Amino acid sequence: MALLSRGLKPALRSACLAMLLAGFGLPVVQAASPAVSEQAVKAALLVKLTRFVYLPEQAVEASPMICLLGQNSFDNHLQTLTSALPDDKQVQVQLLNATQQAADCQLVYIAKSERRRLDNHLQALKPYPLVTISDIDGFARKGGMVELALDNSGQINILINRSAARQQGADFNAQLLRLATIVTP
């Protein structure tokens, strides 16, 4: 699975991601693998991101909360991953009906079903110290913070809008930034 194209060869990018995922006990998977779905890979990345995001102290919980806004396309992948984590790396998952419920969230995943309301959601989430994530095409350029973009070869790339993240007091681990592509709106 490639995460960026800044001069790293695909095999090296895949090896870097594998080390990143393995470092927190998450399974290493390939999006193009017939046995592992794209959604399973994205679920693993979503859980993994909780360890590579820096939020203001008042937003940090002992057990990070990933919130899902819109039609959940992860099936049971998130539940399976989070239940397999060791106690010291626990992550909670919550479904949101509205952005106003995001006060306790550290990461908010905005599903593709919310594409038409994306601008409204991003605006409504600005008061909260959290990171917005989506696989909506162009999400990072539209003001979202982390986009999980699928390329033509079936590989998932992480696109990060650091400017949007910093406006909400969030930043990212240097390891993640080396593997991601930084975009500007």
Foldseek 3Di string as FASTA:
>chain_A
DAADDPPDDRVVRLVLVCCLLVVQPHDRDFCPDPVDHPLLVVLSVQLSQVVWKDWPPVLDDQAAEEEEEDDDPNVCSNVVRQVPGPPSSHHHYYYDDALVPCQNHAEYEYEPRCVVVLVVSLVSNLVHGHAYEYQHPCSLQSLHAWHFHQDPVRGTYIEGAQVSNVSSRMDTHPSVVVRHHYDYD
